[in-house]
Amino acid sequence: MIILNSLETYAPWEWSHDGEVWGFDPRVAQDNPIEQLDIPDNTKATIVTEHMWKCVRVIRDIKLKETDWVSGEDVPQALKDIWFTYRQALRDVTSQSIPTDITWPIKP
């Protein structure tokens, strides 16, 4: 399970909304820029959730790149088959419902 603070290790906090970009998680700022926006609270929550999913995808992509070697022509099919399930589970991570409570697959 990855918690929100762990996402910062893998994904840069480059938040944006309507062309305004913050180089950090604006929710931790004393004058939280998201709270200053004149938009409904559910829209603010959407901004936060969308960014958390972006971070999950960044982590997923890193984990997939770490296993790209599996698709090489010189890798035996039996080994490819073992890693296929893991790589597919990584691709399916974004079908989970809560970006701060991701169950990551375990490498074989």
Foldseek 3Di string as FASTA:
>chain_A
DAAPVNLVVQDFPFADDPPDTDRHQLVPDPPRVLVVDPDDPVVSVVSVQVVLLVSLVRVLVVVLVVPPCLPDPPHDPVSNVQQVVLNVQSVCQSVDDGSRDTDHDDGD
